[in-house]
PDB file of all heavy atoms in Angstrom:
ATOM      1  N   LEU A   1      -9.444  30.777 -12.306  1.00  0.00           N
ATOM      2  CA  LEU A   1      -8.721  30.066 -11.253  1.00  0.00           C
ATOM      3  C   LEU A   1      -7.298  29.896 -11.731  1.00  0.00           C
ATOM      4  O   LEU A   1      -7.013  29.072 -12.600  1.00  0.00           O
ATOM      5  CB  LEU A   1      -9.367  28.702 -10.974  1.00  0.00           C
ATOM      6  CG  LEU A   1      -8.585  27.746 -10.070  1.00  0.00           C
ATOM      7  CD1 LEU A   1      -8.390  28.334  -8.674  1.00  0.00           C
ATOM      8  CD2 LEU A   1      -9.282  26.385  -9.995  1.00  0.00           C
ATOM      9  N   SER A   2      -6.378  30.705 -11.170  1.00  0.00           N
ATOM     10  CA  SER A   2      -4.994  30.722 -11.622  1.00  0.00           C
ATOM     11  C   SER A   2      -4.114  29.880 -10.700  1.00  0.00           C
ATOM     12  O   SER A   2      -4.599  29.215  -9.783  1.00  0.00           O
ATOM     13  CB  SER A   2      -4.509  32.175 -11.682  1.00  0.00           C
ATOM     14  OG  SER A   2      -3.195  32.248 -12.191  1.00  0.00           O
ATOM     15  N   ALA A   3      -2.812  29.928 -10.970  1.00  0.00           N
ATOM     16  CA  ALA A   3      -1.832  29.232 -10.128  1.00  0.00           C
ATOM     17  C   ALA A   3      -1.350  30.202  -9.058  1.00  0.00           C
ATOM     18  O   ALA A   3      -2.135  30.714  -8.285  1.00  0.00           O
ATOM     19  CB  ALA A   3      -0.687  28.703 -10.989  1.00  0.00           C
ATOM     20  N   ALA A   4      -0.047  30.498  -9.026  1.00  0.00           N
ATOM     21  CA  ALA A   4       0.484  31.443  -8.034  1.00  0.00           C
ATOM     22  C   ALA A   4       0.280  32.872  -8.497  1.00  0.00           C
ATOM     23  O   ALA A   4       0.348  33.169  -9.697  1.00  0.00           O
ATOM     24  CB  ALA A   4       1.966  31.171  -7.794  1.00  0.00           C
ATOM     25  N   ALA A   5       0.070  33.761  -7.558  1.00  0.00           N
ATOM     26  CA  ALA A   5      -0.202  35.162  -7.899  1.00  0.00           C
ATOM     27  C   ALA A   5       0.990  35.835  -8.575  1.00  0.00           C
ATOM     28  O   ALA A   5       0.823  36.824  -9.285  1.00  0.00           O
ATOM     29  CB  ALA A   5      -0.567  35.927  -6.631  1.00  0.00           C
ATOM     30  N   ASN A   6       2.203  35.293  -8.388  1.00  0.00           N
ATOM     31  CA  ASN A   6       3.396  35.890  -8.981  1.00  0.00           C
ATOM     32  C   ASN A   6       3.860  35.180 -10.247  1.00  0.00           C
ATOM     33  O   ASN A   6       4.897  35.548 -10.813  1.00  0.00           O
ATOM     34  CB  ASN A   6       4.545  35.872  -7.965  1.00  0.00           C
ATOM     35  CG  ASN A   6       4.282  36.782  -6.791  1.00  0.00           C
ATOM     36  OD1 ASN A   6       3.850  37.913  -6.960  1.00  0.00           O
ATOM     37  ND2 ASN A   6       4.528  36.297  -5.584  1.00  0.00           N
ATOM     38  N   ALA A   7       3.143  34.155 -10.697  1.00  0.00           N
ATOM     39  CA  ALA A   7       3.575  33.388 -11.867  1.00  0.00           C
ATOM     40  C   ALA A   7       3.528  34.261 -13.127  1.00  0.00           C
ATOM     41  O   ALA A   7       2.474  34.772 -13.503  1.00  0.00           O
ATOM     42  CB  ALA A   7       2.699  32.161 -12.041  1.00  0.00           C
ATOM     43  N   THR A   8       4.673  34.409 -13.778  1.00  0.00           N
ATOM     44  CA  THR A   8       4.793  35.326 -14.915  1.00  0.00           C
ATOM     45  C   THR A   8       3.849  34.959 -16.046  1.00  0.00           C
ATOM     46  O   THR A   8       3.141  35.814 -16.597  1.00  0.00           O
ATOM     47  CB  THR A   8       6.236  35.312 -15.451  1.00  0.00           C
ATOM     48  OG1 THR A   8       7.145  35.449 -14.356  1.00  0.00           O
ATOM     49  CG2 THR A   8       6.456  36.444 -16.439  1.00  0.00           C
ATOM     50  N   ASN A   9       3.844  33.670 -16.417  1.00  0.00           N
ATOM     51  CA  ASN A   9       3.020  33.276 -17.553  1.00  0.00           C
ATOM     52  C   ASN A   9       1.536  33.436 -17.253  1.00  0.00           C
ATOM     53  O   ASN A   9       0.775  33.942 -18.074  1.00  0.00           O
ATOM     54  CB  ASN A   9       3.341  31.842 -17.989  1.00  0.00           C
ATOM     55  CG  ASN A   9       3.201  30.823 -16.868  1.00  0.00           C
ATOM     56  OD1 ASN A   9       3.055  31.165 -15.693  1.00  0.00           O
ATOM     57  ND2 ASN A   9       3.243  29.548 -17.221  1.00  0.00           N
ATOM     58  N   GLN A  10       1.119  33.032 -16.047  1.00  0.00           N
ATOM     59  CA  GLN A  10      -0.280  33.164 -15.665  1.00  0.00           C
ATOM     60  C   GLN A  10      -0.746  34.619 -15.726  1.00  0.00           C
ATOM     61  O   GLN A  10      -1.820  34.931 -16.251  1.00  0.00           O
ATOM     62  CB  GLN A  10      -0.488  32.625 -14.250  1.00  0.00           C
ATOM     63  CG  GLN A  10      -0.149  31.155 -14.068  1.00  0.00           C
ATOM     64  CD  GLN A  10      -1.252  30.243 -14.554  1.00  0.00           C
ATOM     65  OE1 GLN A  10      -2.424  30.465 -14.263  1.00  0.00           O
ATOM     66  NE2 GLN A  10      -0.891  29.212 -15.305  1.00  0.00           N
ATOM     67  N   ASN A  11       0.065  35.505 -15.179  1.00  0.00           N
ATOM     68  CA  ASN A  11      -0.325  36.912 -15.127  1.00  0.00           C
ATOM     69  C   ASN A  11      -0.401  37.535 -16.515  1.00  0.00           C
ATOM     70  O   ASN A  11      -1.274  38.367 -16.784  1.00  0.00           O
ATOM     71  CB  ASN A  11       0.644  37.690 -14.237  1.00  0.00           C
ATOM     72  CG  ASN A  11       0.464  37.355 -12.768  1.00  0.00           C
ATOM     73  OD1 ASN A  11      -0.592  36.898 -12.347  1.00  0.00           O
ATOM     74  ND2 ASN A  11       1.506  37.560 -11.976  1.00  0.00           N
ATOM     75  N   GLU A  12       0.510  37.134 -17.391  1.00  0.00           N
ATOM     76  CA  GLU A  12       0.453  37.661 -18.754  1.00  0.00           C
ATOM     77  C   GLU A  12      -0.802  37.176 -19.457  1.00  0.00           C
ATOM     78  O   GLU A  12      -1.500  37.948 -20.118  1.00  0.00           O
ATOM     79  CB  GLU A  12       1.690  37.236 -19.545  1.00  0.00           C
ATOM     80  CG  GLU A  12       1.718  37.822 -20.960  1.00  0.00           C
ATOM     81  CD  GLU A  12       3.002  37.526 -21.700  1.00  0.00           C
ATOM     82  OE1 GLU A  12       3.778  36.663 -21.234  1.00  0.00           O
ATOM     83  OE2 GLU A  12       3.229  38.153 -22.755  1.00  0.00           O
ATOM     84  N   TRP A  13      -1.121  35.882 -19.318  1.00  0.00           N
ATOM     85  CA  TRP A  13      -2.333  35.355 -19.952  1.00  0.00           C
ATOM     86  C   TRP A  13      -3.580  36.018 -19.392  1.00  0.00           C
ATOM     87  O   TRP A  13      -4.498  36.345 -20.142  1.00  0.00           O
ATOM     88  CB  TRP A  13      -2.419  33.842 -19.747  1.00  0.00           C
ATOM     89  CG  TRP A  13      -1.303  33.064 -20.360  1.00  0.00           C
ATOM     90  CD1 TRP A  13      -0.536  33.425 -21.433  1.00  0.00           C
ATOM     91  CD2 TRP A  13      -0.804  31.796 -19.939  1.00  0.00           C
ATOM     92  NE1 TRP A  13       0.396  32.455 -21.701  1.00  0.00           N
ATOM     93  CE2 TRP A  13       0.254  31.441 -20.794  1.00  0.00           C
ATOM     94  CE3 TRP A  13      -1.156  30.919 -18.901  1.00  0.00           C
ATOM     95  CZ2 TRP A  13       0.961  30.250 -20.658  1.00  0.00           C
ATOM     96  CZ3 TRP A  13      -0.457  29.732 -18.772  1.00  0.00           C
ATOM     97  CH2 TRP A  13       0.593  29.391 -19.642  1.00  0.00           C
ATOM     98  N   ILE A  14      -3.619  36.207 -18.070  1.00  0.00           N
ATOM     99  CA  ILE A  14      -4.794  36.815 -17.455  1.00  0.00           C
ATOM    100  C   ILE A  14      -4.997  38.237 -17.970  1.00  0.00           C
ATOM    101  O   ILE A  14      -6.116  38.646 -18.312  1.00  0.00           O
ATOM    102  CB  ILE A  14      -4.682  36.787 -15.923  1.00  0.00           C
ATOM    103  CG1 ILE A  14      -4.803  35.351 -15.412  1.00  0.00           C
ATOM    104  CG2 ILE A  14      -5.759  37.662 -15.277  1.00  0.00           C
ATOM    105  CD1 ILE A  14      -4.434  35.178 -13.957  1.00  0.00           C
ATOM    106  N   LYS A  15      -3.911  38.995 -18.036  1.00  0.00           N
ATOM    107  CA  LYS A  15      -4.011  40.365 -18.555  1.00  0.00           C
ATOM    108  C   LYS A  15      -4.549  40.367 -19.978  1.00  0.00           C
ATOM    109  O   LYS A  15      -5.441  41.161 -20.327  1.00  0.00           O
ATOM    110  CB  LYS A  15      -2.640  41.035 -18.516  1.00  0.00           C
ATOM    111  CG  LYS A  15      -2.634  42.433 -19.097  1.00  0.00           C
ATOM    112  CD  LYS A  15      -1.227  43.028 -19.125  1.00  0.00           C
ATOM    113  CE  LYS A  15      -1.210  44.388 -19.810  1.00  0.00           C
ATOM    114  NZ  LYS A  15       0.169  44.926 -19.915  1.00  0.00           N
ATOM    115  N   LEU A  16      -4.034  39.467 -20.807  1.00  0.00           N
ATOM    116  CA  LEU A  16      -4.477  39.403 -22.198  1.00  0.00           C
ATOM    117  C   LEU A  16      -5.906  38.891 -22.313  1.00  0.00           C
ATOM    118  O   LEU A  16      -6.661  39.339 -23.187  1.00  0.00           O
ATOM    119  CB  LEU A  16      -3.518  38.516 -23.003  1.00  0.00           C
ATOM    120  CG  LEU A  16      -2.117  39.101 -23.204  1.00  0.00           C
ATOM    121  CD1 LEU A  16      -1.162  38.041 -23.729  1.00  0.00           C
ATOM    122  CD2 LEU A  16      -2.165  40.295 -24.164  1.00  0.00           C
ATOM    123  N   MET A  17      -6.309  37.986 -21.417  1.00  0.00           N
ATOM    124  CA  MET A  17      -7.703  37.528 -21.418  1.00  0.00           C
ATOM    125  C   MET A  17      -8.649  38.660 -21.035  1.00  0.00           C
ATOM    126  O   MET A  17      -9.722  38.809 -21.628  1.00  0.00           O
ATOM    127  CB  MET A  17      -7.872  36.336 -20.467  1.00  0.00           C
ATOM    128  CG  MET A  17      -7.374  35.022 -21.041  1.00  0.00           C
ATOM    129  SD  MET A  17      -7.865  33.571 -20.052  1.00  0.00           S
ATOM    130  CE  MET A  17      -6.648  33.622 -18.750  1.00  0.00           C
ATOM    131  N   GLU A  18      -8.247  39.452 -20.051  1.00  0.00           N
ATOM    132  CA  GLU A  18      -9.066  40.608 -19.662  1.00  0.00           C
ATOM    133  C   GLU A  18      -9.233  41.574 -20.833  1.00  0.00           C
ATOM    134  O   GLU A  18     -10.335  42.091 -21.079  1.00  0.00           O
ATOM    135  CB  GLU A  18      -8.416  41.322 -18.482  1.00  0.00           C
ATOM    136  CG  GLU A  18      -8.468  40.532 -17.189  1.00  0.00           C
ATOM    137  CD  GLU A  18      -7.637  41.148 -16.071  1.00  0.00           C
ATOM    138  OE1 GLU A  18      -6.782  42.022 -16.382  1.00  0.00           O
ATOM    139  OE2 GLU A  18      -7.818  40.764 -14.903  1.00  0.00           O
ATOM    140  N   GLU A  19      -8.145  41.794 -21.561  1.00  0.00           N
ATOM    141  CA  GLU A  19      -8.202  42.699 -22.714  1.00  0.00           C
ATOM    142  C   GLU A  19      -9.079  42.131 -23.821  1.00  0.00           C
ATOM    143  O   GLU A  19      -9.865  42.859 -24.451  1.00  0.00           O
ATOM    144  CB  GLU A  19      -6.792  42.965 -23.232  1.00  0.00           C
ATOM    145  CG  GLU A  19      -5.926  43.764 -22.269  1.00  0.00           C
ATOM    146  CD  GLU A  19      -4.476  43.885 -22.737  1.00  0.00           C
ATOM    147  OE1 GLU A  19      -4.143  43.280 -23.783  1.00  0.00           O
ATOM    148  OE2 GLU A  19      -3.692  44.573 -22.057  1.00  0.00           O
ATOM    149  N   GLU A  20      -8.975  40.825 -24.049  1.00  0.00           N
ATOM    150  CA  GLU A  20      -9.779  40.178 -25.078  1.00  0.00           C
ATOM    151  C   GLU A  20     -11.261  40.210 -24.714  1.00  0.00           C
ATOM    152  O   GLU A  20     -12.121  40.481 -25.575  1.00  0.00           O
ATOM    153  CB  GLU A  20      -9.310  38.731 -25.266  1.00  0.00           C
ATOM    154  CG  GLU A  20     -10.155  37.891 -26.213  1.00  0.00           C
ATOM    155  CD  GLU A  20     -10.102  38.360 -27.655  1.00  0.00           C
ATOM    156  OE1 GLU A  20      -9.180  39.125 -28.012  1.00  0.00           O
ATOM    157  OE2 GLU A  20     -11.004  37.967 -28.417  1.00  0.00           O
ATOM    158  N   LEU A  21     -11.591  39.977 -23.472  1.00  0.00           N
ATOM    159  CA  LEU A  21     -12.979  40.040 -23.032  1.00  0.00           C
ATOM    160  C   LEU A  21     -13.543  41.445 -23.218  1.00  0.00           C
ATOM    161  O   LEU A  21     -14.659  41.621 -23.728  1.00  0.00           O
ATOM    162  CB  LEU A  21     -13.089  39.620 -21.566  1.00  0.00           C
ATOM    163  CG  LEU A  21     -12.953  38.137 -21.262  1.00  0.00           C
ATOM    164  CD1 LEU A  21     -12.804  37.908 -19.767  1.00  0.00           C
ATOM    165  CD2 LEU A  21     -14.158  37.355 -21.787  1.00  0.00           C
ATOM    166  N   ALA A  22     -12.776  42.443 -22.800  1.00  0.00           N
ATOM    167  CA  ALA A  22     -13.252  43.823 -22.888  1.00  0.00           C
ATOM    168  C   ALA A  22     -13.446  44.261 -24.339  1.00  0.00           C
ATOM    169  O   ALA A  22     -14.407  44.979 -24.658  1.00  0.00           O
ATOM    170  CB  ALA A  22     -12.259  44.760 -22.196  1.00  0.00           C
ATOM    171  N   ALA A  23     -12.558  43.809 -25.211  1.00  0.00           N
ATOM    172  CA  ALA A  23     -12.600  44.271 -26.602  1.00  0.00           C
ATOM    173  C   ALA A  23     -13.638  43.548 -27.439  1.00  0.00           C
ATOM    174  O   ALA A  23     -14.279  44.165 -28.310  1.00  0.00           O
ATOM    175  CB  ALA A  23     -11.216  44.104 -27.230  1.00  0.00           C
ATOM    176  N   ASN A  24     -13.824  42.244 -27.202  1.00  0.00           N
ATOM    177  CA  ASN A  24     -14.613  41.452 -28.133  1.00  0.00           C
ATOM    178  C   ASN A  24     -15.762  40.658 -27.520  1.00  0.00           C
ATOM    179  O   ASN A  24     -16.504  39.999 -28.248  1.00  0.00           O
ATOM    180  CB  ASN A  24     -13.686  40.485 -28.880  1.00  0.00           C
ATOM    181  CG  ASN A  24     -12.650  41.220 -29.712  1.00  0.00           C
ATOM    182  OD1 ASN A  24     -12.989  42.109 -30.489  1.00  0.00           O
ATOM    183  ND2 ASN A  24     -11.390  40.869 -29.532  1.00  0.00           N
ATOM    184  N   HIS A  25     -15.905  40.715 -26.191  1.00  0.00           N
ATOM    185  CA  HIS A  25     -16.979  39.950 -25.550  1.00  0.00           C
ATOM    186  C   HIS A  25     -17.659  40.817 -24.492  1.00  0.00           C
ATOM    187  O   HIS A  25     -17.568  40.543 -23.286  1.00  0.00           O
ATOM    188  CB  HIS A  25     -16.421  38.664 -24.940  1.00  0.00           C
ATOM    189  CG  HIS A  25     -15.774  37.758 -25.936  1.00  0.00           C
ATOM    190  ND1 HIS A  25     -16.478  36.821 -26.661  1.00  0.00           N
ATOM    191  CD2 HIS A  25     -14.471  37.675 -26.352  1.00  0.00           C
ATOM    192  CE1 HIS A  25     -15.640  36.177 -27.469  1.00  0.00           C
ATOM    193  NE2 HIS A  25     -14.428  36.680 -27.292  1.00  0.00           N
ATOM    194  N   PRO A  26     -18.382  41.844 -24.915  1.00  0.00           N
ATOM    195  CA  PRO A  26     -18.968  42.797 -23.969  1.00  0.00           C
ATOM    196  C   PRO A  26     -20.019  42.192 -23.047  1.00  0.00           C
ATOM    197  O   PRO A  26     -20.313  42.770 -21.995  1.00  0.00           O
ATOM    198  CB  PRO A  26     -19.591  43.860 -24.888  1.00  0.00           C
ATOM    199  CG  PRO A  26     -19.836  43.150 -26.181  1.00  0.00           C
ATOM    200  CD  PRO A  26     -18.695  42.191 -26.316  1.00  0.00           C
ATOM    201  N   ASN A  27     -20.567  41.052 -23.415  1.00  0.00           N
ATOM    202  CA  ASN A  27     -21.617  40.441 -22.595  1.00  0.00           C
ATOM    203  C   ASN A  27     -21.081  39.403 -21.609  1.00  0.00           C
ATOM    204  O   ASN A  27     -21.863  38.769 -20.893  1.00  0.00           O
ATOM    205  CB  ASN A  27     -22.676  39.793 -23.500  1.00  0.00           C
ATOM    206  CG  ASN A  27     -23.426  40.825 -24.327  1.00  0.00           C
ATOM    207  OD1 ASN A  27     -23.712  41.913 -23.849  1.00  0.00           O
ATOM    208  ND2 ASN A  27     -23.713  40.492 -25.571  1.00  0.00           N
ATOM    209  N   ILE A  28     -19.769  39.227 -21.592  1.00  0.00           N
ATOM    210  CA  ILE A  28     -19.157  38.342 -20.600  1.00  0.00           C
ATOM    211  C   ILE A  28     -18.491  39.213 -19.541  1.00  0.00           C
ATOM    212  O   ILE A  28     -17.704  40.104 -19.850  1.00  0.00           O
ATOM    213  CB  ILE A  28     -18.119  37.406 -21.243  1.00  0.00           C
ATOM    214  CG1 ILE A  28     -18.787  36.462 -22.244  1.00  0.00           C
ATOM    215  CG2 ILE A  28     -17.396  36.586 -20.162  1.00  0.00           C
ATOM    216  CD1 ILE A  28     -17.823  35.514 -22.932  1.00  0.00           C
ATOM    217  N   LYS A  29     -18.795  38.948 -18.286  1.00  0.00           N
ATOM    218  CA  LYS A  29     -18.247  39.725 -17.180  1.00  0.00           C
ATOM    219  C   LYS A  29     -17.308  38.849 -16.346  1.00  0.00           C
ATOM    220  O   LYS A  29     -17.713  37.810 -15.827  1.00  0.00           O
ATOM    221  CB  LYS A  29     -19.362  40.259 -16.295  1.00  0.00           C
ATOM    222  CG  LYS A  29     -18.871  41.099 -15.112  1.00  0.00           C
ATOM    223  CD  LYS A  29     -20.029  41.586 -14.256  1.00  0.00           C
ATOM    224  CE  LYS A  29     -19.525  42.410 -13.072  1.00  0.00           C
ATOM    225  NZ  LYS A  29     -20.660  42.839 -12.207  1.00  0.00           N
ATOM    226  N   LEU A  30     -16.055  39.271 -16.234  1.00  0.00           N
ATOM    227  CA  LEU A  30     -15.097  38.582 -15.362  1.00  0.00           C
ATOM    228  C   LEU A  30     -15.304  39.099 -13.945  1.00  0.00           C
ATOM    229  O   LEU A  30     -15.022  40.253 -13.634  1.00  0.00           O
ATOM    230  CB  LEU A  30     -13.668  38.857 -15.821  1.00  0.00           C
ATOM    231  CG  LEU A  30     -12.549  38.247 -14.963  1.00  0.00           C
ATOM    232  CD1 LEU A  30     -12.653  36.728 -14.910  1.00  0.00           C
ATOM    233  CD2 LEU A  30     -11.177  38.680 -15.485  1.00  0.00           C
ATOM    234  N   VAL A  31     -15.803  38.227 -13.066  1.00  0.00           N
ATOM    235  CA  VAL A  31     -16.199  38.677 -11.723  1.00  0.00           C
ATOM    236  C   VAL A  31     -15.098  38.517 -10.683  1.00  0.00           C
ATOM    237  O   VAL A  31     -15.077  39.227  -9.675  1.00  0.00           O
ATOM    238  CB  VAL A  31     -17.472  37.950 -11.250  1.00  0.00           C
ATOM    239  CG1 VAL A  31     -18.663  38.363 -12.110  1.00  0.00           C
ATOM    240  CG2 VAL A  31     -17.297  36.439 -11.256  1.00  0.00           C
ATOM    241  N   GLN A  32     -14.164  37.570 -10.904  1.00  0.00           N
ATOM    242  CA  GLN A  32     -13.114  37.371  -9.899  1.00  0.00           C
ATOM    243  C   GLN A  32     -12.000  36.487 -10.461  1.00  0.00           C
ATOM    244  O   GLN A  32     -12.246  35.602 -11.279  1.00  0.00           O
ATOM    245  CB  GLN A  32     -13.691  36.709  -8.629  1.00  0.00           C
ATOM    246  CG  GLN A  32     -12.724  36.697  -7.448  1.00  0.00           C
ATOM    247  CD  GLN A  32     -13.362  36.144  -6.183  1.00  0.00           C
ATOM    248  OE1 GLN A  32     -14.522  35.733  -6.177  1.00  0.00           O
ATOM    249  NE2 GLN A  32     -12.605  36.135  -5.099  1.00  0.00           N
ATOM    250  N   THR A  33     -10.777  36.771 -10.003  1.00  0.00           N
ATOM    251  CA  THR A  33      -9.633  35.891 -10.259  1.00  0.00           C
ATOM    252  C   THR A  33      -9.101  35.417  -8.915  1.00  0.00           C
ATOM    253  O   THR A  33      -8.851  36.231  -8.027  1.00  0.00           O
ATOM    254  CB  THR A  33      -8.526  36.626 -11.025  1.00  0.00           C
ATOM    255  OG1 THR A  33      -9.019  37.020 -12.319  1.00  0.00           O
ATOM    256  CG2 THR A  33      -7.298  35.743 -11.210  1.00  0.00           C
ATOM    257  N   VAL A  34      -8.951  34.098  -8.769  1.00  0.00           N
ATOM    258  CA  VAL A  34      -8.447  33.528  -7.518  1.00  0.00           C
ATOM    259  C   VAL A  34      -7.221  32.677  -7.824  1.00  0.00           C
ATOM    260  O   VAL A  34      -6.976  32.289  -8.978  1.00  0.00           O
ATOM    261  CB  VAL A  34      -9.517  32.689  -6.800  1.00  0.00           C
ATOM    262  CG1 VAL A  34     -10.690  33.565  -6.390  1.00  0.00           C
ATOM    263  CG2 VAL A  34      -9.990  31.522  -7.669  1.00  0.00           C
ATOM    264  N   TYR A  35      -6.463  32.366  -6.769  1.00  0.00           N
ATOM    265  CA  TYR A  35      -5.178  31.688  -6.947  1.00  0.00           C
ATOM    266  C   TYR A  35      -5.115  30.413  -6.096  1.00  0.00           C
ATOM    267  O   TYR A  35      -5.234  30.464  -4.876  1.00  0.00           O
ATOM    268  CB  TYR A  35      -4.033  32.629  -6.585  1.00  0.00           C
ATOM    269  CG  TYR A  35      -4.053  33.888  -7.415  1.00  0.00           C
ATOM    270  CD1 TYR A  35      -4.738  35.020  -6.978  1.00  0.00           C
ATOM    271  CD2 TYR A  35      -3.444  33.925  -8.658  1.00  0.00           C
ATOM    272  CE1 TYR A  35      -4.787  36.173  -7.746  1.00  0.00           C
ATOM    273  CE2 TYR A  35      -3.488  35.066  -9.444  1.00  0.00           C
ATOM    274  CZ  TYR A  35      -4.166  36.179  -8.989  1.00  0.00           C
ATOM    275  OH  TYR A  35      -4.214  37.317  -9.766  1.00  0.00           O
ATOM    276  N   GLY A  36      -4.895  29.294  -6.767  1.00  0.00           N
ATOM    277  CA  GLY A  36      -4.791  28.014  -6.069  1.00  0.00           C
ATOM    278  C   GLY A  36      -3.365  27.582  -5.814  1.00  0.00           C
ATOM    279  O   GLY A  36      -3.133  26.508  -5.238  1.00  0.00           O
ATOM    280  N   ASP A  37      -2.390  28.381  -6.257  1.00  0.00           N
ATOM    281  CA  ASP A  37      -0.965  28.126  -6.013  1.00  0.00           C
ATOM    282  C   ASP A  37      -0.508  26.756  -6.509  1.00  0.00           C
ATOM    283  O   ASP A  37       0.416  26.164  -5.956  1.00  0.00           O
ATOM    284  CB  ASP A  37      -0.644  28.267  -4.518  1.00  0.00           C
ATOM    285  CG  ASP A  37      -0.781  29.710  -4.048  1.00  0.00           C
ATOM    286  OD1 ASP A  37      -0.594  30.617  -4.875  1.00  0.00           O
ATOM    287  OD2 ASP A  37      -1.075  29.926  -2.865  1.00  0.00           O
ATOM    288  N   ASP A  38      -1.144  26.262  -7.562  1.00  0.00           N
ATOM    289  CA  ASP A  38      -0.802  24.944  -8.108  1.00  0.00           C
ATOM    290  C   ASP A  38      -0.826  23.855  -7.039  1.00  0.00           C
ATOM    291  O   ASP A  38      -0.045  22.902  -7.066  1.00  0.00           O
ATOM    292  CB  ASP A  38       0.552  24.974  -8.835  1.00  0.00           C
ATOM    293  CG  ASP A  38       0.389  25.279 -10.324  1.00  0.00           C
ATOM    294  OD1 ASP A  38      -0.742  25.185 -10.819  1.00  0.00           O
ATOM    295  OD2 ASP A  38       1.395  25.605 -10.968  1.00  0.00           O
ATOM    296  N   ASP A  39      -1.720  24.019  -6.092  1.00  0.00           N
ATOM    297  CA  ASP A  39      -1.954  23.027  -5.050  1.00  0.00           C
ATOM    298  C   ASP A  39      -3.354  22.448  -5.267  1.00  0.00           C
ATOM    299  O   ASP A  39      -4.335  23.199  -5.367  1.00  0.00           O
ATOM    300  CB  ASP A  39      -1.853  23.682  -3.670  1.00  0.00           C
ATOM    301  CG  ASP A  39      -2.143  22.702  -2.549  1.00  0.00           C
ATOM    302  OD1 ASP A  39      -1.216  21.996  -2.138  1.00  0.00           O
ATOM    303  OD2 ASP A  39      -3.309  22.639  -2.095  1.00  0.00           O
TER     304      ASP A  39
END
């Protein structure tokens, strides 16, 4: 559950989290990313 879809910091963290999950947590599946726009 992220903030705004264009938020630079959020998108960088999400990309790195996806990479970390793929590399070191094969049994965890990221099923969806949604955006609450900090609302």
